[in-house]
Amino acid sequence: MANLFRGLAMGVRQGIAALGSGISNDDVTHDLLPEKADSLGGVREFFIGLQSKARAGDTQSMFFLAMDYRPGGDLRTDLVKAAKWMGKAAQRGDAVAQAIFAYMYWAGEGVPQNYSEAVRWYHASALQGNSTAAHELSLLYDAGKGVQQDFKQATYWNVKAALAGIDAAQNTRSEEHTSELQSLRH
């Protein structure tokens, strides 16, 4: 799943170049990886602008700043800062940010591990149609992590994910899920 998030950030990085530069702020410049700052020219100004936009309330900038603080980003890995910015984007209703923030709670990545919070954020994302979040939510209901074990809810969210094409949801191990999926396929 981490590769999916990393790929998403890298694939759309070009699209946020249009955000422009902003007010100078030394905080983000200290977090730039030296090899990135030296080799890409203009990167320092880009991240200063990105941070400025994020601080001004731009959800997309919050998301991308968070992704760059995660492993594989252009900033020194700082999971606490990643969680801070991802949480802000999630609170502003970004479905992908909500799913990643849920994962961060599930894994204890930059925040204390908290399955209840993971359920909360996966649910918010799934309600917006994020099929990956729906599948992860189904697994939490199935296992009873962060929520009372509920096979009906697990099946509901798993079926939504499976119908959206999530392979893992189509190949679930739960007998309740399997019988429900088979009835939908015929």
Protein backbone atom coordinates (compact mmCIF):
# COMPACT_ATOMS: atom_id res chain seq x y z
CA MET A 1 0.00 0.00 0.00
CA ALA A 2 2.87 2.37 0.71
CA ASN A 3 4.05 1.99 -2.90
CA LEU A 4 0.58 3.01 -4.10
CA PHE A 5 0.72 6.21 -2.04
CA ARG A 6 4.30 6.96 -3.10
CA GLY A 7 3.37 6.41 -6.77
CA LEU A 8 0.35 8.67 -6.43
CA ALA A 9 2.47 11.50 -5.06
CA MET A 10 5.14 11.10 -7.71
CA GLY A 11 2.60 10.90 -10.54
CA VAL A 12 0.90 14.16 -9.72
CA ARG A 13 3.89 16.14 -8.48
CA GLN A 14 4.15 17.76 -11.89
CA GLY A 15 0.61 19.04 -11.57
CA ILE A 16 1.33 21.00 -8.43
CA ALA A 17 4.31 22.81 -9.87
CA ALA A 18 1.78 25.44 -10.91
CA LEU A 19 1.22 26.31 -7.25
CA GLY A 20 4.07 28.77 -7.54
CA SER A 21 6.42 30.07 -4.94
CA GLY A 22 5.33 31.84 -1.82
CA ILE A 23 6.57 33.47 1.32
CA SER A 24 9.99 32.25 2.39
CA ASN A 25 10.07 29.86 5.31
CA ASP A 26 13.23 28.18 6.54
CA ASP A 27 11.44 25.21 8.15
CA VAL A 28 10.96 23.21 4.96
CA THR A 29 14.38 24.09 3.54
CA HIS A 30 16.06 22.32 6.47
CA ASP A 31 14.07 19.19 5.63
CA LEU A 32 15.10 19.01 1.97
CA LEU A 33 17.31 16.05 1.15
CA PRO A 34 20.67 17.50 0.08
CA GLU A 35 20.83 15.41 -3.10
CA LYS A 36 17.36 16.62 -4.12
CA ALA A 37 18.06 20.27 -3.39
CA ASP A 38 21.32 20.27 -5.31
CA SER A 39 20.24 18.25 -8.32
CA LEU A 40 16.81 19.58 -9.19
CA GLY A 41 17.26 23.37 -9.13
CA GLY A 42 14.28 25.41 -8.00
CA VAL A 43 13.21 22.65 -5.61
CA ARG A 44 13.93 24.75 -2.54
CA GLU A 45 11.66 27.53 -3.82
CA PHE A 46 9.03 24.98 -4.80
CA PHE A 47 8.86 23.52 -1.30
CA ILE A 48 8.82 26.94 0.33
CA GLY A 49 5.85 27.77 -1.89
CA LEU A 50 4.20 24.43 -1.19
CA GLN A 51 4.54 24.93 2.56
CA SER A 52 3.23 28.48 2.29
CA LYS A 53 0.16 27.27 0.37
CA ALA A 54 -0.40 24.46 2.89
CA ARG A 55 -0.21 26.89 5.81
CA ALA A 56 -2.70 29.14 4.01
CA GLY A 57 -5.19 26.26 3.91
CA ASP A 58 -4.71 24.71 0.46
CA THR A 59 -5.76 21.07 0.89
CA GLN A 60 -3.82 19.76 -2.08
CA SER A 61 -0.63 21.41 -0.81
CA MET A 62 -1.20 19.88 2.63
CA PHE A 63 -1.53 16.46 1.01
CA PHE A 64 1.62 16.76 -1.09
CA LEU A 65 3.67 18.18 1.76
CA ALA A 66 2.58 15.20 3.87
CA MET A 67 3.54 12.77 1.11
CA ASP A 68 6.96 14.36 0.80
CA TYR A 69 7.60 13.84 4.51
CA ARG A 70 6.83 10.12 4.11
CA PRO A 71 9.53 7.61 3.12
CA GLY A 72 10.49 8.08 -0.53
CA GLY A 73 9.53 11.76 -0.61
CA ASP A 74 11.81 14.68 -1.35
CA LEU A 75 12.05 15.78 2.29
CA ARG A 76 13.78 14.08 5.19
CA THR A 77 11.39 11.44 6.46
CA ASP A 78 9.45 12.85 9.39
CA LEU A 79 6.35 10.80 10.08
CA VAL A 80 5.08 13.21 12.72
CA LYS A 81 5.10 16.09 10.22
CA ALA A 82 3.61 13.77 7.59
CA ALA A 83 0.77 12.90 9.97
CA LYS A 84 0.23 16.55 10.86
CA TRP A 85 -0.22 17.62 7.23
CA MET A 86 -2.12 14.48 6.20
CA GLY A 87 -4.49 14.99 9.11
CA LYS A 88 -5.16 18.56 8.05
CA ALA A 89 -5.92 17.45 4.47
CA ALA A 90 -8.12 14.64 5.80
CA GLN A 91 -10.06 17.04 8.02
CA ARG A 92 -10.71 19.20 4.96
CA GLY A 93 -12.42 16.22 3.27
CA ASP A 94 -9.78 14.88 0.87
CA ALA A 95 -10.77 11.20 0.44
CA VAL A 96 -7.27 9.98 -0.43
CA ALA A 97 -5.79 11.88 2.51
CA GLN A 98 -8.43 10.34 4.76
CA ALA A 99 -7.47 6.83 3.61
CA ILE A 100 -3.76 7.48 4.09
CA PHE A 101 -4.38 9.10 7.49
CA ALA A 102 -6.40 6.01 8.45
CA TYR A 103 -3.48 3.83 7.41
CA MET A 104 -1.15 5.97 9.51
CA TYR A 105 -3.35 5.33 12.56
CA TRP A 106 -3.60 1.64 11.70
CA ALA A 107 0.20 1.33 11.44
CA GLY A 108 1.09 3.83 14.16
CA GLU A 109 2.99 5.85 11.61
CA GLY A 110 3.61 9.36 12.96
CA VAL A 111 0.69 8.98 15.35
CA PRO A 112 0.02 6.48 18.14
CA GLN A 113 -1.51 3.28 16.76
CA ASN A 114 -5.27 3.62 17.15
CA TYR A 115 -7.62 1.25 15.32
CA SER A 116 -10.69 3.30 16.28
CA GLU A 117 -9.23 6.34 14.54
CA ALA A 118 -8.31 4.15 11.57
CA VAL A 119 -11.93 3.02 11.34
CA ARG A 120 -13.12 6.63 11.59
CA TRP A 121 -10.94 7.84 8.72
CA TYR A 122 -11.40 4.77 6.50
CA HIS A 123 -15.15 5.21 6.94
CA ALA A 124 -15.01 8.89 5.98
CA SER A 125 -13.00 8.02 2.88
CA ALA A 126 -15.17 5.03 1.94
CA LEU A 127 -18.31 7.18 2.17
CA GLN A 128 -16.76 9.34 -0.56
CA GLY A 129 -16.35 6.29 -2.79
CA ASN A 130 -12.74 5.32 -2.04
CA SER A 131 -12.85 1.58 -2.73
CA THR A 132 -9.47 0.87 -1.12
CA ALA A 133 -10.72 2.49 2.08
CA ALA A 134 -13.90 0.40 1.84
CA HIS A 135 -11.82 -2.77 1.65
CA GLU A 136 -9.60 -1.78 4.58
CA LEU A 137 -12.71 -0.87 6.58
CA SER A 138 -14.18 -4.31 5.81
CA LEU A 139 -11.06 -5.97 7.19
CA LEU A 140 -11.28 -3.97 10.41
CA TYR A 141 -14.95 -4.90 10.87
CA ASP A 142 -14.12 -8.52 10.07
CA ALA A 143 -11.34 -8.61 12.67
CA GLY A 144 -13.11 -6.43 15.22
CA LYS A 145 -10.19 -4.01 15.39
CA GLY A 146 -11.19 -0.51 16.47
CA VAL A 147 -14.82 -1.45 16.18
CA GLN A 148 -17.07 -4.22 17.43
CA GLN A 149 -16.73 -7.23 15.13
CA ASP A 150 -19.59 -7.05 12.66
CA PHE A 151 -19.68 -9.48 9.74
CA LYS A 152 -22.61 -7.68 8.10
CA GLN A 153 -20.69 -4.40 8.00
CA ALA A 154 -17.57 -6.27 6.91
CA THR A 155 -19.51 -7.84 4.07
CA TYR A 156 -21.17 -4.57 3.09
CA TRP A 157 -17.86 -2.70 2.73
CA ASN A 158 -16.10 -5.67 1.17
CA VAL A 159 -18.80 -6.03 -1.49
CA LYS A 160 -18.54 -2.32 -2.30
CA ALA A 161 -14.77 -2.71 -2.70
CA ALA A 162 -15.09 -5.89 -4.75
CA LEU A 163 -17.65 -4.35 -7.09
CA ALA A 164 -15.26 -1.44 -7.59
CA GLY A 165 -12.59 -3.89 -8.73
CA ILE A 166 -10.38 -4.26 -5.67
CA ASP A 167 -8.80 -7.68 -6.26
CA ALA A 168 -8.05 -8.32 -2.60
CA ALA A 169 -11.72 -7.76 -1.77
CA GLN A 170 -12.77 -10.25 -4.45
CA ASN A 171 -10.48 -12.87 -2.93
CA THR A 172 -11.39 -12.39 0.72
CA ARG A 173 -11.07 -15.29 3.15
CA SER A 174 -14.22 -14.71 5.21
CA GLU A 175 -17.00 -17.24 4.56
CA GLU A 176 -19.62 -14.52 4.98
CA HIS A 177 -17.90 -12.37 2.37
CA THR A 178 -17.38 -15.28 -0.04
CA SER A 179 -21.04 -16.36 -0.05
CA GLU A 180 -22.20 -12.75 -0.52
CA LEU A 181 -19.78 -12.18 -3.40
CA GLN A 182 -20.77 -15.43 -5.09
CA SER A 183 -24.45 -14.45 -4.96
CA LEU A 184 -23.61 -11.10 -6.60
CA ARG A 185 -21.55 -12.73 -9.36
CA HIS A 186 -24.37 -15.08 -10.48
